[in-house]
C-alpha atoms as a PDB file:
ATOM      1  CA  MET A   1       0.000   0.000   0.000  1.00  0.00           C
ATOM      2  CA  ILE A   2       1.223   3.453  -0.931  1.00  0.00           C
ATOM      3  CA  THR A   3      -0.752   6.601  -0.171  1.00  0.00           C
ATOM      4  CA  LEU A   4      -0.121   9.764  -2.154  1.00  0.00           C
ATOM      5  CA  THR A   5      -1.108  12.875  -0.246  1.00  0.00           C
ATOM      6  CA  GLY A   6      -0.756  16.582  -0.821  1.00  0.00           C
ATOM      7  CA  TYR A   7      -2.769  19.601  -1.789  1.00  0.00           C
ATOM      8  CA  ARG A   8      -5.005  19.682  -4.855  1.00  0.00           C
ATOM      9  CA  GLY A   9      -2.960  20.151  -8.018  1.00  0.00           C
ATOM     10  CA  THR A  10       0.257  18.579  -6.739  1.00  0.00           C
ATOM     11  CA  GLY A  11       0.013  15.536  -9.022  1.00  0.00           C
ATOM     12  CA  LYS A  12      -1.582  12.751  -6.977  1.00  0.00           C
ATOM     13  CA  SER A  13      -4.079  11.667  -9.641  1.00  0.00           C
ATOM     14  CA  SER A  14      -1.463  11.894 -12.396  1.00  0.00           C
ATOM     15  CA  VAL A  15       1.240   9.990 -10.528  1.00  0.00           C
ATOM     16  CA  ALA A  16      -0.941   7.233  -9.006  1.00  0.00           C
ATOM     17  CA  PRO A  17      -1.740   5.299 -12.207  1.00  0.00           C
ATOM     18  CA  LEU A  18       1.827   5.557 -13.483  1.00  0.00           C
ATOM     19  CA  LEU A  19       3.314   4.364 -10.197  1.00  0.00           C
ATOM     20  CA  ALA A  20       0.788   1.542  -9.894  1.00  0.00           C
ATOM     21  CA  ASN A  21       1.555   0.427 -13.438  1.00  0.00           C
ATOM     22  CA  ARG A  22       5.289   0.310 -12.744  1.00  0.00           C
ATOM     23  CA  LEU A  23       4.688  -1.722  -9.574  1.00  0.00           C
ATOM     24  CA  GLY A  24       2.102  -4.016 -11.165  1.00  0.00           C
ATOM     25  CA  TRP A  25      -0.464  -2.821  -8.623  1.00  0.00           C
ATOM     26  CA  SER A  26      -3.927  -1.265  -8.774  1.00  0.00           C
ATOM     27  CA  TRP A  27      -4.635   2.372  -8.078  1.00  0.00           C
ATOM     28  CA  ILE A  28      -7.617   4.442  -7.063  1.00  0.00           C
ATOM     29  CA  ASP A  29      -8.481   8.113  -6.770  1.00  0.00           C
ATOM     30  CA  ALA A  30     -10.191   8.449  -3.381  1.00  0.00           C
ATOM     31  CA  ASP A  31     -12.236  11.490  -4.433  1.00  0.00           C
ATOM     32  CA  ALA A  32     -13.564   9.638  -7.486  1.00  0.00           C
ATOM     33  CA  GLU A  33     -14.407   6.660  -5.259  1.00  0.00           C
ATOM     34  CA  ILE A  34     -16.317   8.905  -2.852  1.00  0.00           C
ATOM     35  CA  GLU A  35     -18.306  10.280  -5.776  1.00  0.00           C
ATOM     36  CA  ARG A  36     -18.948   6.791  -7.155  1.00  0.00           C
ATOM     37  CA  ARG A  37     -20.221   5.485  -3.818  1.00  0.00           C
ATOM     38  CA  ALA A  38     -22.328   8.592  -3.116  1.00  0.00           C
ATOM     39  CA  GLY A  39     -23.722   8.775  -6.640  1.00  0.00           C
ATOM     40  CA  GLN A  40     -23.010  12.503  -6.701  1.00  0.00           C
ATOM     41  CA  SER A  41     -20.179  14.979  -7.109  1.00  0.00           C
ATOM     42  CA  ILE A  42     -18.125  16.302  -4.231  1.00  0.00           C
ATOM     43  CA  SER A  43     -19.741  19.715  -4.818  1.00  0.00           C
ATOM     44  CA  ASP A  44     -23.178  18.113  -4.451  1.00  0.00           C
ATOM     45  CA  ILE A  45     -22.117  16.332  -1.248  1.00  0.00           C
ATOM     46  CA  PHE A  46     -20.933  19.673   0.147  1.00  0.00           C
ATOM     47  CA  ALA A  47     -24.162  21.390  -0.951  1.00  0.00           C
ATOM     48  CA  ALA A  48     -26.338  18.747   0.722  1.00  0.00           C
ATOM     49  CA  GLY A  49     -24.424  18.067   3.930  1.00  0.00           C
ATOM     50  CA  GLY A  50     -21.557  20.499   4.121  1.00  0.00           C
ATOM     51  CA  GLU A  51     -17.933  19.681   4.751  1.00  0.00           C
ATOM     52  CA  PRO A  52     -18.724  17.486   7.796  1.00  0.00           C
ATOM     53  CA  GLU A  53     -20.751  15.083   5.634  1.00  0.00           C
ATOM     54  CA  PHE A  54     -18.057  14.983   2.979  1.00  0.00           C
ATOM     55  CA  ARG A  55     -15.364  14.278   5.585  1.00  0.00           C
ATOM     56  CA  ARG A  56     -17.529  11.492   7.058  1.00  0.00           C
ATOM     57  CA  GLN A  57     -17.829   9.851   3.645  1.00  0.00           C
ATOM     58  CA  GLU A  58     -14.132  10.423   2.956  1.00  0.00           C
ATOM     59  CA  ARG A  59     -13.195   8.702   6.220  1.00  0.00           C
ATOM     60  CA  ALA A  60     -15.351   5.666   5.379  1.00  0.00           C
ATOM     61  CA  VAL A  61     -13.744   5.344   1.938  1.00  0.00           C
ATOM     62  CA  MET A  62     -10.231   5.719   3.352  1.00  0.00           C
ATOM     63  CA  VAL A  63     -10.861   3.015   5.992  1.00  0.00           C
ATOM     64  CA  ASP A  64     -11.791   0.618   3.194  1.00  0.00           C
ATOM     65  CA  LEU A  65      -8.988   1.578   0.812  1.00  0.00           C
ATOM     66  CA  LEU A  66      -6.256   1.550   3.456  1.00  0.00           C
ATOM     67  CA  SER A  67      -7.114  -2.040   4.354  1.00  0.00           C
ATOM     68  CA  ARG A  68      -6.128  -3.312   0.902  1.00  0.00           C
ATOM     69  CA  ASP A  69      -2.802  -4.557  -0.449  1.00  0.00           C
ATOM     70  CA  ARG A  70      -0.915  -3.659  -3.610  1.00  0.00           C
ATOM     71  CA  LEU A  71      -2.819  -0.421  -4.075  1.00  0.00           C
ATOM     72  CA  VAL A  72      -1.684   3.134  -4.787  1.00  0.00           C
ATOM     73  CA  ILE A  73      -4.182   5.626  -3.360  1.00  0.00           C
ATOM     74  CA  ALA A  74      -4.447   9.188  -4.629  1.00  0.00           C
ATOM     75  CA  SER A  75      -5.991  10.559  -1.430  1.00  0.00           C
ATOM     76  CA  GLY A  76      -8.030  13.710  -1.251  1.00  0.00           C
ATOM     77  CA  GLY A  77      -6.020  16.735  -0.187  1.00  0.00           C
ATOM     78  CA  GLY A  78      -7.955  17.061   3.059  1.00  0.00           C
ATOM     79  CA  ALA A  79      -7.995  13.396   4.057  1.00  0.00           C
ATOM     80  CA  ILE A  80      -5.104  14.098   6.448  1.00  0.00           C
ATOM     81  CA  LEU A  81      -7.338  16.366   8.515  1.00  0.00           C
ATOM     82  CA  ASP A  82      -8.698  13.275  10.274  1.00  0.00           C
ATOM     83  CA  GLU A  83      -6.262  12.099  12.947  1.00  0.00           C
ATOM     84  CA  GLN A  84      -7.257   8.439  12.662  1.00  0.00           C
ATOM     85  CA  THR A  85      -6.898   8.543   8.884  1.00  0.00           C
ATOM     86  CA  ARG A  86      -3.363   9.878   9.324  1.00  0.00           C
ATOM     87  CA  ARG A  87      -2.542   6.983  11.659  1.00  0.00           C
ATOM     88  CA  ASP A  88      -4.162   4.485   9.281  1.00  0.00           C
ATOM     89  CA  MET A  89      -2.137   5.853   6.358  1.00  0.00           C
ATOM     90  CA  GLN A  90       1.116   5.447   8.261  1.00  0.00           C
ATOM     91  CA  GLN A  91       0.256   1.909   9.361  1.00  0.00           C
ATOM     92  CA  ALA A  92      -0.780   0.847   5.840  1.00  0.00           C
ATOM     93  CA  GLY A  93       2.557   1.653   4.187  1.00  0.00           C
ATOM     94  CA  PRO A  94       4.624   4.523   2.839  1.00  0.00           C
ATOM     95  CA  VAL A  95       2.928   7.900   2.598  1.00  0.00           C
ATOM     96  CA  VAL A  96       4.222  10.144  -0.170  1.00  0.00           C
ATOM     97  CA  TRP A  97       3.710  13.885   0.197  1.00  0.00           C
ATOM     98  CA  LEU A  98       3.586  15.498  -3.224  1.00  0.00           C
ATOM     99  CA  GLU A  99       4.159  19.194  -2.683  1.00  0.00           C
ATOM    100  CA  ALA A 100       4.259  22.238  -4.916  1.00  0.00           C
ATOM    101  CA  GLU A 101       4.531  25.996  -4.610  1.00  0.00           C
ATOM    102  CA  VAL A 102       1.345  28.071  -4.469  1.00  0.00           C
ATOM    103  CA  ASP A 103       1.942  29.470  -7.988  1.00  0.00           C
ATOM    104  CA  THR A 104       2.302  25.938  -9.382  1.00  0.00           C
ATOM    105  CA  ILE A 105      -0.856  24.765  -7.615  1.00  0.00           C
ATOM    106  CA  LEU A 106      -2.852  27.741  -8.907  1.00  0.00           C
ATOM    107  CA  ALA A 107      -1.584  27.240 -12.455  1.00  0.00           C
ATOM    108  CA  ARG A 108      -2.466  23.542 -12.392  1.00  0.00           C
ATOM    109  CA  MET A 109      -5.888  24.210 -10.856  1.00  0.00           C
ATOM    110  CA  GLY A 110      -6.522  26.747 -13.606  1.00  0.00           C
ATOM    111  CA  THR A 111      -5.994  24.130 -16.302  1.00  0.00           C
ATOM    112  CA  ASP A 112      -7.918  21.351 -14.517  1.00  0.00           C
ATOM    113  CA  GLU A 113     -11.532  21.390 -15.683  1.00  0.00           C
ATOM    114  CA  THR A 114     -12.655  19.237 -12.729  1.00  0.00           C
ATOM    115  CA  THR A 115     -11.397  21.701 -10.126  1.00  0.00           C
ATOM    116  CA  THR A 116     -14.371  24.026 -10.343  1.00  0.00           C
ATOM    117  CA  SER A 117     -17.026  21.538 -11.408  1.00  0.00           C
ATOM    118  CA  ARG A 118     -16.270  18.806  -8.853  1.00  0.00           C
ATOM    119  CA  ARG A 119     -14.576  20.548  -5.957  1.00  0.00           C
ATOM    120  CA  PRO A 120     -16.059  23.458  -4.061  1.00  0.00           C
ATOM    121  CA  ALA A 121     -14.154  26.367  -2.600  1.00  0.00           C
ATOM    122  CA  LEU A 122     -13.373  25.609   1.035  1.00  0.00           C
ATOM    123  CA  THR A 123     -13.107  29.195   2.239  1.00  0.00           C
ATOM    124  CA  GLU A 124     -14.556  32.594   1.331  1.00  0.00           C
ATOM    125  CA  HIS A 125     -11.136  33.786   0.128  1.00  0.00           C
ATOM    126  CA  ASP A 126      -9.886  34.257  -3.421  1.00  0.00           C
ATOM    127  CA  PRO A 127      -8.074  31.169  -4.769  1.00  0.00           C
ATOM    128  CA  ARG A 128      -4.552  32.300  -3.799  1.00  0.00           C
ATOM    129  CA  ALA A 129      -5.544  33.211  -0.257  1.00  0.00           C
ATOM    130  CA  GLU A 130      -7.471  29.933   0.079  1.00  0.00           C
ATOM    131  CA  VAL A 131      -4.494  27.839  -1.043  1.00  0.00           C
ATOM    132  CA  GLU A 132      -2.149  29.755   1.265  1.00  0.00           C
ATOM    133  CA  GLN A 133      -4.523  29.440   4.236  1.00  0.00           C
ATOM    134  CA  LEU A 134      -5.178  25.725   3.740  1.00  0.00           C
ATOM    135  CA  LEU A 135      -1.497  24.948   3.153  1.00  0.00           C
ATOM    136  CA  SER A 136      -0.655  26.687   6.430  1.00  0.00           C
ATOM    137  CA  ILE A 137      -3.087  24.345   8.189  1.00  0.00           C
ATOM    138  CA  ARG A 138      -2.404  21.173   6.217  1.00  0.00           C
ATOM    139  CA  GLY A 139       1.342  21.542   5.625  1.00  0.00           C
ATOM    140  CA  PRO A 140       2.344  20.409   9.123  1.00  0.00           C
ATOM    141  CA  LEU A 141      -0.073  17.466   8.844  1.00  0.00           C
ATOM    142  CA  TYR A 142       1.337  16.383   5.464  1.00  0.00           C
ATOM    143  CA  GLU A 143       4.822  16.665   6.907  1.00  0.00           C
ATOM    144  CA  ALA A 144       3.933  14.652  10.007  1.00  0.00           C
ATOM    145  CA  VAL A 145       2.423  11.766   8.046  1.00  0.00           C
ATOM    146  CA  ALA A 146       4.895  11.628   5.143  1.00  0.00           C
ATOM    147  CA  THR A 147       7.613   9.037   4.824  1.00  0.00           C
ATOM    148  CA  ILE A 148       8.709  10.476   1.463  1.00  0.00           C
ATOM    149  CA  ARG A 149       8.472  14.085   0.230  1.00  0.00           C
ATOM    150  CA  VAL A 150       8.616  15.015  -3.436  1.00  0.00           C
ATOM    151  CA  LYS A 151       8.602  18.538  -4.833  1.00  0.00           C
ATOM    152  CA  THR A 152       6.575  18.327  -8.034  1.00  0.00           C
ATOM    153  CA  ASP A 153       6.901  21.858  -9.424  1.00  0.00           C
ATOM    154  CA  GLN A 154       9.552  21.142 -12.050  1.00  0.00           C
ATOM    155  CA  GLN A 155       8.919  17.431 -12.606  1.00  0.00           C
ATOM    156  CA  THR A 156       6.662  15.480 -14.921  1.00  0.00           C
ATOM    157  CA  PRO A 157       4.581  12.663 -13.447  1.00  0.00           C
ATOM    158  CA  GLU A 158       6.987  10.198 -15.082  1.00  0.00           C
ATOM    159  CA  GLN A 159       9.974  11.849 -13.391  1.00  0.00           C
ATOM    160  CA  ILE A 160       8.181  11.731 -10.047  1.00  0.00           C
ATOM    161  CA  VAL A 161       7.543   8.003 -10.481  1.00  0.00           C
ATOM    162  CA  GLU A 162      11.214   7.397 -11.279  1.00  0.00           C
ATOM    163  CA  GLN A 163      12.205   9.277  -8.122  1.00  0.00           C
ATOM    164  CA  LEU A 164       9.720   7.306  -6.033  1.00  0.00           C
ATOM    165  CA  LEU A 165      10.952   3.983  -7.355  1.00  0.00           C
ATOM    166  CA  THR A 166      14.395   4.838  -5.989  1.00  0.00           C
ATOM    167  CA  GLU A 167      13.067   6.029  -2.611  1.00  0.00           C
ATOM    168  CA  LEU A 168      10.400   3.432  -1.816  1.00  0.00           C
ATOM    169  CA  PRO A 169      11.569   0.633   0.471  1.00  0.00           C
ATOM    170  CA  ALA A 170      12.341  -2.566  -1.453  1.00  0.00           C
ATOM    171  CA  ASP A 171      10.075  -4.604   0.823  1.00  0.00           C
ATOM    172  CA  VAL A 172       7.078  -2.467  -0.158  1.00  0.00           C
ATOM    173  CA  GLN A 173       7.635  -3.233  -3.805  1.00  0.00           C
ATOM    174  CA  GLU A 174       8.034  -6.951  -3.047  1.00  0.00           C
ATOM    175  CA  THR A 175       5.198  -7.482  -0.548  1.00  0.00           C
ATOM    176  CA  GLY A 176       2.701  -4.859  -1.612  1.00  0.00           C
ATOM    177  CA  ARG A 177       2.344  -3.412   1.910  1.00  0.00           C
END
């Protein structure tokens, strides 16, 4: 099990399938799985039940996914807000923090059509202020849970995978945990 974590736009959903393919594992995007199970978009979940309902559903999905073997999870950027989820991630296997500068995140979010249609704003701030505020809260949590950190600003997803293959423990690649 490998969990990719990090803020939106840092490359989790791009890296996960490539890494899984190289390892001969499966992969899953946790946000897409939440939407599949709920039968509605993340924005619709937020509209109906607010962030608490979304986080409840996210926790349930993460409990299930983190119990599997030979899986690369592209976790939602806020999954680390739940203390038990952070512990579960660490117990399941390596946790990779994909990080990027605010300008990189904003540029990537601007070219990602799903950002506005699937994911609601989480604060009342403009996008830059929101990213800065949430990174100030989440950054220490990403750092605390991560076993590997990768700066993604100047790297392609393929380059990130190559870096990870050199940094992941050999036993993870052999056993799938």
